[in-house]
Amino acid sequence: MIYTCTIDTFLGTMRGAAENDALTGLWFIGQKYYPQDADTWFEKPDYGVFQALRDWLEQYFAGNPPEPNVLLRPHGTAFQQAVWEILQTIPYGKTGAYGEIAEQTSRRRGAPVSAQAIGGAVGHNPISLLIPCHRVIGSDGSLTGYAGGIEKKKALLELEQRR
């Protein structure tokens, strides 16, 4: 069973999803790749992992690097999982380029991976913010792509840079 909750932030309402005591999703309502079956989930705002998520988001939106205290279990292919693992190594307040992540992924997999393939995996990240896809930028420093919208990406990066 998938449990869900909604959380209001200064950038808009977010929806969390969890099962088996782990966070499986966090999206801005209506963002690109928002789950089609979300209306079938069971609303349970007091589900244990959601309190840890709220604490994490409170720290994050206060401009403090949060402690990684939320168990994450995103659903995706092995390739997507590998990319999302690399995203989690990008430090708070820093950025990484699609090409750099492609190089890291290529080394780990022992086979070439394109920046475009990385872009696809980054774009389908189901756990916004905690798996920091907003920290991925173009090789020229441009703010390319973000399922939540470029304005949100810009605001998130500015929030982190203020620290």
N, C-alpha and C. Protein backbone atom coordinates (compact mmCIF):
# COMPACT_ATOMS: atom_id res chain seq x y z
N MET A 1 0.84 -1.18 0.00
CA MET A 1 0.00 0.00 0.00
C MET A 1 0.89 1.25 0.00
N ILE A 2 0.53 2.20 -0.83
CA ILE A 2 1.27 3.46 -0.89
C ILE A 2 0.53 4.49 -0.05
N TYR A 3 1.26 5.08 0.89
CA TYR A 3 0.73 6.14 1.73
C TYR A 3 1.20 7.47 1.18
N THR A 4 0.42 8.51 1.44
CA THR A 4 0.76 9.82 0.91
C THR A 4 0.45 10.92 1.91
N CYS A 5 1.08 12.05 1.69
CA CYS A 5 0.80 13.25 2.46
C CYS A 5 1.11 14.45 1.57
N THR A 6 0.55 15.59 1.92
CA THR A 6 0.88 16.82 1.22
C THR A 6 1.57 17.75 2.21
N ILE A 7 2.52 18.51 1.68
CA ILE A 7 3.30 19.43 2.49
C ILE A 7 3.40 20.75 1.74
N ASP A 8 3.02 21.82 2.42
CA ASP A 8 3.11 23.15 1.81
C ASP A 8 4.52 23.71 1.99
N THR A 9 5.08 24.27 0.93
CA THR A 9 6.38 24.92 0.98
C THR A 9 6.23 26.29 0.33
N PHE A 10 7.25 27.13 0.49
CA PHE A 10 7.17 28.45 -0.13
C PHE A 10 7.23 28.38 -1.66
N LEU A 11 7.60 27.23 -2.20
CA LEU A 11 7.63 27.05 -3.65
C LEU A 11 6.39 26.33 -4.17
N GLY A 12 5.49 25.96 -3.28
CA GLY A 12 4.28 25.27 -3.69
C GLY A 12 4.06 24.01 -2.89
N THR A 13 2.92 23.42 -3.09
CA THR A 13 2.56 22.20 -2.37
C THR A 13 3.29 21.01 -2.97
N MET A 14 3.79 20.15 -2.08
CA MET A 14 4.48 18.93 -2.50
C MET A 14 3.69 17.74 -1.99
N ARG A 15 3.86 16.64 -2.68
CA ARG A 15 3.21 15.40 -2.27
C ARG A 15 4.26 14.32 -2.08
N GLY A 16 4.23 13.71 -0.91
CA GLY A 16 5.14 12.61 -0.61
C GLY A 16 4.42 11.28 -0.77
N ALA A 17 5.18 10.25 -1.09
CA ALA A 17 4.66 8.89 -1.18
C ALA A 17 5.62 7.98 -0.43
N ALA A 18 5.07 6.99 0.25
CA ALA A 18 5.91 6.08 1.01
C ALA A 18 5.26 4.70 1.07
N GLU A 19 6.11 3.72 1.22
CA GLU A 19 5.65 2.36 1.48
C GLU A 19 6.77 1.63 2.20
N ASN A 20 6.38 0.69 3.04
CA ASN A 20 7.34 -0.10 3.81
C ASN A 20 8.33 0.79 4.56
N ASP A 21 7.83 1.84 5.18
CA ASP A 21 8.60 2.75 6.02
C ASP A 21 9.73 3.48 5.29
N ALA A 22 9.62 3.63 3.99
CA ALA A 22 10.62 4.37 3.22
C ALA A 22 9.92 5.33 2.26
N LEU A 23 10.57 6.46 2.01
CA LEU A 23 10.05 7.44 1.07
C LEU A 23 10.30 6.94 -0.34
N THR A 24 9.25 6.91 -1.15
CA THR A 24 9.38 6.45 -2.53
C THR A 24 9.17 7.58 -3.53
N GLY A 25 8.63 8.72 -3.06
CA GLY A 25 8.41 9.82 -3.97
C GLY A 25 8.17 11.14 -3.25
N LEU A 26 8.57 12.22 -3.92
CA LEU A 26 8.28 13.57 -3.45
C LEU A 26 8.25 14.47 -4.68
N TRP A 27 7.09 15.04 -4.96
CA TRP A 27 6.90 15.84 -6.16
C TRP A 27 6.22 17.15 -5.81
N PHE A 28 6.46 18.16 -6.63
CA PHE A 28 5.62 19.35 -6.59
C PHE A 28 4.33 18.97 -7.30
N ILE A 29 3.21 19.35 -6.73
CA ILE A 29 1.91 19.02 -7.33
C ILE A 29 1.89 19.55 -8.77
N GLY A 30 1.57 18.65 -9.69
CA GLY A 30 1.42 19.02 -11.09
C GLY A 30 2.70 19.10 -11.89
N GLN A 31 3.84 18.77 -11.29
CA GLN A 31 5.09 18.85 -12.05
C GLN A 31 5.12 17.80 -13.15
N LYS A 32 6.07 17.94 -14.05
CA LYS A 32 6.26 16.97 -15.12
C LYS A 32 6.57 15.62 -14.47
N TYR A 33 6.07 14.55 -15.05
CA TYR A 33 6.24 13.18 -14.56
C TYR A 33 5.57 12.94 -13.21
N TYR A 34 4.57 13.77 -12.88
CA TYR A 34 3.80 13.54 -11.67
C TYR A 34 3.06 12.22 -11.83
N PRO A 35 3.04 11.36 -10.81
CA PRO A 35 2.43 10.03 -10.97
C PRO A 35 0.94 10.08 -11.33
N GLN A 36 0.58 9.31 -12.33
CA GLN A 36 -0.80 9.27 -12.80
C GLN A 36 -1.75 8.59 -11.81
N ASP A 37 -1.22 7.69 -10.99
CA ASP A 37 -2.07 6.93 -10.08
C ASP A 37 -2.13 7.51 -8.67
N ALA A 38 -1.64 8.72 -8.48
CA ALA A 38 -1.56 9.32 -7.14
C ALA A 38 -2.92 9.41 -6.46
N ASP A 39 -3.99 9.50 -7.22
CA ASP A 39 -5.32 9.61 -6.59
C ASP A 39 -5.79 8.29 -5.98
N THR A 40 -5.07 7.20 -6.21
CA THR A 40 -5.43 5.91 -5.61
C THR A 40 -4.67 5.65 -4.31
N TRP A 41 -3.75 6.54 -3.94
CA TRP A 41 -2.96 6.33 -2.74
C TRP A 41 -3.77 6.64 -1.49
N PHE A 42 -3.34 6.10 -0.38
CA PHE A 42 -4.04 6.25 0.88
C PHE A 42 -3.43 7.41 1.67
N GLU A 43 -4.23 8.45 1.92
CA GLU A 43 -3.77 9.63 2.65
C GLU A 43 -3.51 9.25 4.10
N LYS A 44 -2.25 9.40 4.54
CA LYS A 44 -1.88 9.06 5.91
C LYS A 44 -0.74 9.98 6.36
N PRO A 45 -1.06 11.24 6.65
CA PRO A 45 -0.02 12.22 6.98
C PRO A 45 0.80 11.89 8.21
N ASP A 46 0.29 11.01 9.09
CA ASP A 46 1.03 10.66 10.30
C ASP A 46 1.90 9.41 10.13
N TYR A 47 1.99 8.88 8.90
CA TYR A 47 2.85 7.73 8.63
C TYR A 47 4.28 8.11 9.01
N GLY A 48 4.98 7.25 9.71
CA GLY A 48 6.27 7.54 10.32
C GLY A 48 7.28 8.28 9.47
N VAL A 49 7.50 7.84 8.26
CA VAL A 49 8.52 8.46 7.42
C VAL A 49 8.17 9.91 7.07
N PHE A 50 6.89 10.25 7.10
CA PHE A 50 6.50 11.61 6.74
C PHE A 50 6.92 12.63 7.79
N GLN A 51 7.00 12.22 9.06
CA GLN A 51 7.50 13.17 10.07
C GLN A 51 8.98 13.45 9.83
N ALA A 52 9.75 12.42 9.52
CA ALA A 52 11.16 12.62 9.19
C ALA A 52 11.30 13.51 7.95
N LEU A 53 10.42 13.31 6.97
CA LEU A 53 10.44 14.13 5.76
C LEU A 53 10.13 15.59 6.10
N ARG A 54 9.10 15.82 6.92
CA ARG A 54 8.76 17.19 7.31
C ARG A 54 9.94 17.87 8.02
N ASP A 55 10.59 17.13 8.92
CA ASP A 55 11.76 17.68 9.62
C ASP A 55 12.86 18.03 8.63
N TRP A 56 13.10 17.15 7.67
CA TRP A 56 14.13 17.38 6.65
C TRP A 56 13.81 18.63 5.84
N LEU A 57 12.55 18.72 5.38
CA LEU A 57 12.14 19.87 4.57
C LEU A 57 12.19 21.17 5.37
N GLU A 58 11.83 21.12 6.65
CA GLU A 58 11.90 22.32 7.49
C GLU A 58 13.33 22.83 7.57
N GLN A 59 14.28 21.93 7.79
CA GLN A 59 15.69 22.32 7.83
C GLN A 59 16.14 22.87 6.47
N TYR A 60 15.78 22.15 5.42
CA TYR A 60 16.19 22.53 4.08
C TYR A 60 15.68 23.93 3.72
N PHE A 61 14.39 24.16 3.89
CA PHE A 61 13.82 25.45 3.49
C PHE A 61 14.21 26.58 4.45
N ALA A 62 14.77 26.23 5.61
CA ALA A 62 15.33 27.25 6.50
C ALA A 62 16.74 27.64 6.06
N GLY A 63 17.24 26.97 5.02
CA GLY A 63 18.57 27.28 4.50
C GLY A 63 19.69 26.52 5.17
N ASN A 64 19.36 25.42 5.84
CA ASN A 64 20.37 24.60 6.51
C ASN A 64 20.50 23.25 5.81
N PRO A 65 21.72 22.77 5.61
CA PRO A 65 21.87 21.44 5.02
C PRO A 65 21.29 20.38 5.97
N PRO A 66 20.23 19.70 5.58
CA PRO A 66 19.59 18.73 6.48
C PRO A 66 20.42 17.46 6.64
N GLU A 67 20.25 16.83 7.78
CA GLU A 67 20.85 15.51 8.01
C GLU A 67 20.10 14.48 7.19
N PRO A 68 20.79 13.51 6.63
CA PRO A 68 20.10 12.47 5.83
C PRO A 68 19.41 11.45 6.74
N ASN A 69 18.24 11.81 7.26
CA ASN A 69 17.54 10.95 8.22
C ASN A 69 16.27 10.32 7.65
N VAL A 70 16.11 10.35 6.34
CA VAL A 70 14.93 9.78 5.69
C VAL A 70 15.37 8.60 4.84
N LEU A 71 14.79 7.45 5.08
CA LEU A 71 15.10 6.27 4.28
C LEU A 71 14.46 6.43 2.90
N LEU A 72 15.28 6.37 1.86
CA LEU A 72 14.81 6.56 0.48
C LEU A 72 14.78 5.22 -0.24
N ARG A 73 13.70 5.00 -0.99
CA ARG A 73 13.59 3.79 -1.80
C ARG A 73 12.85 4.13 -3.10
N PRO A 74 13.50 4.90 -3.99
CA PRO A 74 12.84 5.26 -5.24
C PRO A 74 12.73 4.05 -6.17
N HIS A 75 11.65 4.01 -6.92
CA HIS A 75 11.45 2.94 -7.90
C HIS A 75 11.99 3.41 -9.24
N GLY A 76 12.80 2.57 -9.87
CA GLY A 76 13.35 2.90 -11.18
C GLY A 76 14.19 1.76 -11.70
N THR A 77 14.68 1.93 -12.92
CA THR A 77 15.55 0.92 -13.53
C THR A 77 16.91 0.93 -12.84
N ALA A 78 17.71 -0.08 -13.12
CA ALA A 78 19.06 -0.14 -12.56
C ALA A 78 19.87 1.08 -13.00
N PHE A 79 19.70 1.49 -14.25
CA PHE A 79 20.41 2.67 -14.75
C PHE A 79 19.97 3.92 -13.99
N GLN A 80 18.67 4.11 -13.85
CA GLN A 80 18.18 5.27 -13.11
C GLN A 80 18.69 5.25 -11.67
N GLN A 81 18.65 4.10 -11.04
CA GLN A 81 19.13 3.98 -9.65
C GLN A 81 20.60 4.40 -9.56
N ALA A 82 21.41 3.99 -10.53
CA ALA A 82 22.83 4.35 -10.53
C ALA A 82 23.01 5.87 -10.64
N VAL A 83 22.23 6.49 -11.51
CA VAL A 83 22.31 7.94 -11.68
C VAL A 83 21.85 8.64 -10.41
N TRP A 84 20.74 8.20 -9.83
CA TRP A 84 20.21 8.84 -8.62
C TRP A 84 21.19 8.70 -7.45
N GLU A 85 21.92 7.60 -7.42
CA GLU A 85 22.95 7.42 -6.39
C GLU A 85 24.04 8.48 -6.54
N ILE A 86 24.45 8.74 -7.76
CA ILE A 86 25.46 9.78 -8.00
C ILE A 86 24.92 11.15 -7.63
N LEU A 87 23.66 11.42 -7.94
CA LEU A 87 23.08 12.72 -7.59
C LEU A 87 23.20 12.99 -6.09
N GLN A 88 23.06 11.95 -5.30
CA GLN A 88 23.10 12.11 -3.85
C GLN A 88 24.50 12.46 -3.33
N THR A 89 25.50 12.38 -4.20
CA THR A 89 26.86 12.75 -3.78
C THR A 89 27.16 14.22 -4.08
N ILE A 90 26.27 14.91 -4.77
CA ILE A 90 26.48 16.34 -5.06
C ILE A 90 26.20 17.11 -3.78
N PRO A 91 27.19 17.78 -3.22
CA PRO A 91 26.99 18.44 -1.93
C PRO A 91 26.00 19.60 -1.99
N TYR A 92 25.37 19.86 -0.88
CA TYR A 92 24.49 21.00 -0.68
C TYR A 92 25.23 22.26 -1.10
N GLY A 93 24.60 23.10 -1.91
CA GLY A 93 25.20 24.35 -2.34
C GLY A 93 26.13 24.23 -3.53
N LYS A 94 26.33 23.03 -4.04
CA LYS A 94 27.19 22.79 -5.20
C LYS A 94 26.34 22.28 -6.35
N THR A 95 26.93 22.22 -7.52
CA THR A 95 26.24 21.69 -8.69
C THR A 95 27.13 20.70 -9.42
N GLY A 96 26.53 19.91 -10.25
CA GLY A 96 27.23 18.98 -11.12
C GLY A 96 26.63 19.07 -12.50
N ALA A 97 27.43 18.82 -13.52
CA ALA A 97 26.96 18.91 -14.90
C ALA A 97 26.56 17.54 -15.41
N TYR A 98 25.61 17.54 -16.35
CA TYR A 98 25.16 16.29 -16.95
C TYR A 98 26.33 15.49 -17.50
N GLY A 99 27.26 16.18 -18.17
CA GLY A 99 28.43 15.49 -18.74
C GLY A 99 29.30 14.84 -17.68
N GLU A 100 29.49 15.53 -16.55
CA GLU A 100 30.28 14.96 -15.44
C GLU A 100 29.62 13.69 -14.90
N ILE A 101 28.30 13.77 -14.75
CA ILE A 101 27.57 12.61 -14.24
C ILE A 101 27.62 11.47 -15.25
N ALA A 102 27.59 11.79 -16.54
CA ALA A 102 27.72 10.76 -17.58
C ALA A 102 29.09 10.08 -17.47
N GLU A 103 30.14 10.87 -17.24
CA GLU A 103 31.48 10.28 -17.09
C GLU A 103 31.54 9.35 -15.87
N GLN A 104 31.00 9.80 -14.75
CA GLN A 104 30.99 8.96 -13.54
C GLN A 104 30.21 7.68 -13.77
N THR A 105 29.05 7.81 -14.40
CA THR A 105 28.22 6.64 -14.67
C THR A 105 28.92 5.69 -15.63
N SER A 106 29.59 6.23 -16.65
CA SER A 106 30.33 5.41 -17.61
C SER A 106 31.43 4.61 -16.90
N ARG A 107 32.14 5.29 -16.00
CA ARG A 107 33.20 4.59 -15.26
C ARG A 107 32.63 3.47 -14.40
N ARG A 108 31.54 3.73 -13.72
CA ARG A 108 30.94 2.73 -12.84
C ARG A 108 30.37 1.55 -13.63
N ARG A 109 29.80 1.83 -14.78
CA ARG A 109 29.17 0.78 -15.58
C ARG A 109 30.14 0.09 -16.52
N GLY A 110 31.28 0.75 -16.79
CA GLY A 110 32.24 0.18 -17.72
C GLY A 110 31.79 0.27 -19.16
N ALA A 111 30.89 1.21 -19.44
CA ALA A 111 30.38 1.41 -20.80
C ALA A 111 30.00 2.87 -20.95
N PRO A 112 30.15 3.41 -22.17
CA PRO A 112 29.83 4.82 -22.37
C PRO A 112 28.35 5.12 -22.14
N VAL A 113 28.12 6.29 -21.55
CA VAL A 113 26.76 6.78 -21.29
C VAL A 113 26.72 8.23 -21.75
N SER A 114 25.67 8.61 -22.46
CA SER A 114 25.57 9.97 -22.96
C SER A 114 24.97 10.91 -21.91
N ALA A 115 25.27 12.18 -22.06
CA ALA A 115 24.68 13.19 -21.19
C ALA A 115 23.16 13.21 -21.37
N GLN A 116 22.68 12.91 -22.57
CA GLN A 116 21.24 12.88 -22.82
C GLN A 116 20.56 11.76 -22.02
N ALA A 117 21.22 10.60 -21.95
CA ALA A 117 20.67 9.49 -21.16
C ALA A 117 20.63 9.88 -19.68
N ILE A 118 21.65 10.59 -19.24
CA ILE A 118 21.67 11.08 -17.86
C ILE A 118 20.50 12.04 -17.64
N GLY A 119 20.28 12.93 -18.61
CA GLY A 119 19.17 13.87 -18.51
C GLY A 119 17.84 13.17 -18.35
N GLY A 120 17.65 12.08 -19.05
CA GLY A 120 16.40 11.32 -18.92
C GLY A 120 16.23 10.74 -17.53
N ALA A 121 17.31 10.18 -16.99
CA ALA A 121 17.24 9.60 -15.64
C ALA A 121 17.05 10.69 -14.59
N VAL A 122 17.75 11.80 -14.74
CA VAL A 122 17.62 12.91 -13.80
C VAL A 122 16.19 13.44 -13.82
N GLY A 123 15.64 13.61 -15.00
CA GLY A 123 14.28 14.14 -15.14
C GLY A 123 13.21 13.25 -14.52
N HIS A 124 13.47 11.95 -14.47
CA HIS A 124 12.50 11.01 -13.91
C HIS A 124 12.77 10.68 -12.44
N ASN A 125 13.64 11.43 -11.80
CA ASN A 125 13.89 11.25 -10.37
C ASN A 125 12.57 11.41 -9.61
N PRO A 126 12.15 10.39 -8.86
CA PRO A 126 10.87 10.50 -8.18
C PRO A 126 10.93 11.16 -6.80
N ILE A 127 12.13 11.46 -6.31
CA ILE A 127 12.23 12.04 -4.96
C ILE A 127 12.95 13.38 -5.05
N SER A 128 12.17 14.41 -5.38
CA SER A 128 12.73 15.77 -5.49
C SER A 128 13.40 16.18 -4.19
N LEU A 129 14.38 17.03 -4.32
CA LEU A 129 15.12 17.66 -3.24
C LEU A 129 16.02 16.69 -2.49
N LEU A 130 15.51 15.59 -1.96
CA LEU A 130 16.34 14.66 -1.21
C LEU A 130 17.31 13.93 -2.12
N ILE A 131 16.88 13.65 -3.34
CA ILE A 131 17.78 13.22 -4.41
C ILE A 131 17.89 14.47 -5.27
N PRO A 132 18.97 15.22 -5.11
CA PRO A 132 19.03 16.61 -5.60
C PRO A 132 19.23 16.79 -7.10
N CYS A 133 18.22 16.44 -7.87
CA CYS A 133 18.30 16.63 -9.32
C CYS A 133 18.34 18.10 -9.70
N HIS A 134 17.89 18.97 -8.80
CA HIS A 134 17.93 20.42 -9.07
C HIS A 134 19.36 20.94 -9.12
N ARG A 135 20.32 20.17 -8.62
CA ARG A 135 21.73 20.59 -8.62
C ARG A 135 22.45 20.24 -9.91
N VAL A 136 21.76 19.64 -10.86
CA VAL A 136 22.39 19.27 -12.13
C VAL A 136 22.14 20.38 -13.15
N ILE A 137 23.25 20.84 -13.73
CA ILE A 137 23.19 21.96 -14.68
C ILE A 137 23.89 21.58 -15.99
N GLY A 138 23.74 22.42 -16.98
CA GLY A 138 24.43 22.21 -18.25
C GLY A 138 25.92 22.43 -18.10
N SER A 139 26.71 21.90 -19.00
CA SER A 139 28.17 22.03 -18.93
C SER A 139 28.62 23.48 -19.04
N ASP A 140 27.75 24.34 -19.61
CA ASP A 140 28.09 25.76 -19.71
C ASP A 140 27.54 26.57 -18.53
N GLY A 141 27.02 25.86 -17.52
CA GLY A 141 26.48 26.53 -16.33
C GLY A 141 25.01 26.91 -16.45
N SER A 142 24.38 26.56 -17.57
CA SER A 142 22.98 26.93 -17.77
C SER A 142 22.06 26.05 -16.93
N LEU A 143 20.94 26.64 -16.55
CA LEU A 143 19.94 25.92 -15.77
C LEU A 143 18.99 25.22 -16.73
N THR A 144 19.40 24.06 -17.18
CA THR A 144 18.59 23.31 -18.12
C THR A 144 17.74 22.28 -17.39
N GLY A 145 16.53 22.13 -17.81
CA GLY A 145 15.64 21.09 -17.34
C GLY A 145 15.44 20.97 -15.85
N TYR A 146 14.22 20.85 -15.44
CA TYR A 146 13.85 20.51 -14.08
C TYR A 146 12.36 20.21 -14.13
N ALA A 147 11.98 19.02 -13.70
CA ALA A 147 10.58 18.60 -13.80
C ALA A 147 9.64 19.53 -13.03
N GLY A 148 10.15 20.17 -11.98
CA GLY A 148 9.34 21.11 -11.20
C GLY A 148 9.27 22.49 -11.82
N GLY A 149 10.07 22.73 -12.85
CA GLY A 149 10.11 24.04 -13.51
C GLY A 149 11.40 24.78 -13.22
N ILE A 150 11.90 25.49 -14.20
CA ILE A 150 13.18 26.20 -14.09
C ILE A 150 13.14 27.24 -12.96
N GLU A 151 12.02 27.92 -12.77
CA GLU A 151 11.95 28.93 -11.69
C GLU A 151 12.15 28.28 -10.32
N LYS A 152 11.60 27.09 -10.13
CA LYS A 152 11.80 26.39 -8.86
C LYS A 152 13.27 25.97 -8.72
N LYS A 153 13.84 25.48 -9.80
CA LYS A 153 15.24 25.07 -9.78
C LYS A 153 16.12 26.25 -9.39
N LYS A 154 15.87 27.38 -10.00
CA LYS A 154 16.64 28.59 -9.70
C LYS A 154 16.48 28.97 -8.23
N ALA A 155 15.25 28.93 -7.72
CA ALA A 155 15.00 29.28 -6.31
C ALA A 155 15.70 28.32 -5.36
N LEU A 156 15.70 27.03 -5.69
CA LEU A 156 16.36 26.04 -4.84
C LEU A 156 17.87 26.25 -4.81
N LEU A 157 18.46 26.50 -5.96
CA LEU A 157 19.90 26.75 -6.01
C LEU A 157 20.27 28.03 -5.27
N GLU A 158 19.45 29.06 -5.41
CA GLU A 158 19.70 30.31 -4.69
C GLU A 158 19.59 30.09 -3.18
N LEU A 159 18.61 29.32 -2.75
CA LEU A 159 18.47 29.01 -1.33
C LEU A 159 19.73 28.35 -0.80
N GLU A 160 20.25 27.37 -1.54
CA GLU A 160 21.44 26.65 -1.10
C GLU A 160 22.69 27.54 -1.15
N GLN A 161 22.77 28.45 -2.09
CA GLN A 161 23.95 29.28 -2.26
C GLN A 161 24.05 30.35 -1.17
N ARG A 162 22.90 30.71 -0.56
CA ARG A 162 22.91 31.72 0.50
C ARG A 162 23.65 31.27 1.73
N ARG A 163 23.79 30.00 1.92
CA ARG A 163 24.43 29.46 3.13
C ARG A 163 25.87 29.86 3.19
